[in-house]
């Protein structure tokens, strides 16, 4: 272990300084942890930073891959860039009140980091701050943060939700690139630009709300967002809607909708798809439990006696439908509906609803027609079997 001449700065800790249990005691009187102090101490598992320490230097714990827990006290006001870079075993951390910035690459590569508490008073999250934190699932950024820099959450593949506060004015370059677990996001009022590849590769993103103030959307901002279903504009103005749509590539223009229309349209769409699930014939189990079907399920009972399973009630099939992820009629109708251009204004809503209803009705009809063909085939098969049986009896006489 090496300290500064006045004993106030911890300059260097080596593997030999780490206790057998993986801990390390910071000496009394230390007020700062210097740059690279614990660099590469992979055997360090836990550490409690004592009261009186006010700063953690750049790359202080860089590469401490065995570090699982760290307690940072109140009084810390500065955490340097890359301070916990590559701490792949770190699972959670609480940043104390008083820290105003999360520096560049501070937690980059902390792949097991699942939760982080960001304090009020923070004003900026620098570039690469959480890049590659694939275990991070949810982040709440407090009011007061005005800057989220480039690449800040890039490749956080497990991130499912994030709250961005008002006051942020720009979504930086590749800020959320590769966040495949992110499903929905509301960009707050005041944001004016969404930079290049900001959400590229967010394959799970289904809906995003963009404020009316946005005047710039960079190239490939939503590239690879294969499930993006709607881009909701937080405005009542068709002119604003058209202005923002003009910033998007052609394949996304049809997914833009005003917020005042979105609630009505999506509620109607969900209700129509739900109506489809009320038709028993759309359930893939229907033909196996319809007694006329040649595919009816058979069960083996006592003494090996086989028999056909009783027909399931329609109500049960409807209930199963609501929890079924493999209903092909529902999935196909949903894909077709999502492929419809969203209405650009109130006048277009009626036409959109008519198209949705037509798709659902067509799917219901096809399910019933298929079931009817199965029944007809079963009836025909039964007649053929009966005729064959009579023929065998006649020949045996």
Foldseek 3Di string as FASTA:
>chain_A
DDAPPVRAEQEADDLVQADPVQEHARDPNHQEYEACHQAQNLSRAEYEDDPNHAEYEACSNANNCNHAYYHDDPNHAYYYACVNAQNCNHAEEEDDPNHAEQYHLPQANNQNHAYYHDDPNHAEYEANSHANNLNHAEEEDDPNHAYYEANRHAQNCNHAYYADDPNHAEQYHCPHANNQNHAEEEDDPNHAEYEACSHAQNCNHAEYEDELNHQAYYHRVHHNVNNHLAYEYADQDLVSQVNVLVRDDPVCSLRYEYPVVVVVLVVLLVVLLLVLLLQLLLQPCQLCQDVLFPNDDWDQDPPRDIDGDHRDDSVVSSVVSVVDPPRVLSVVLVVVLSSGRDDSHPVCSVVSSVVSNVSSVVSSVVSVVVSVVRNVVSVVVVVVVVVVVVVVVVVVD
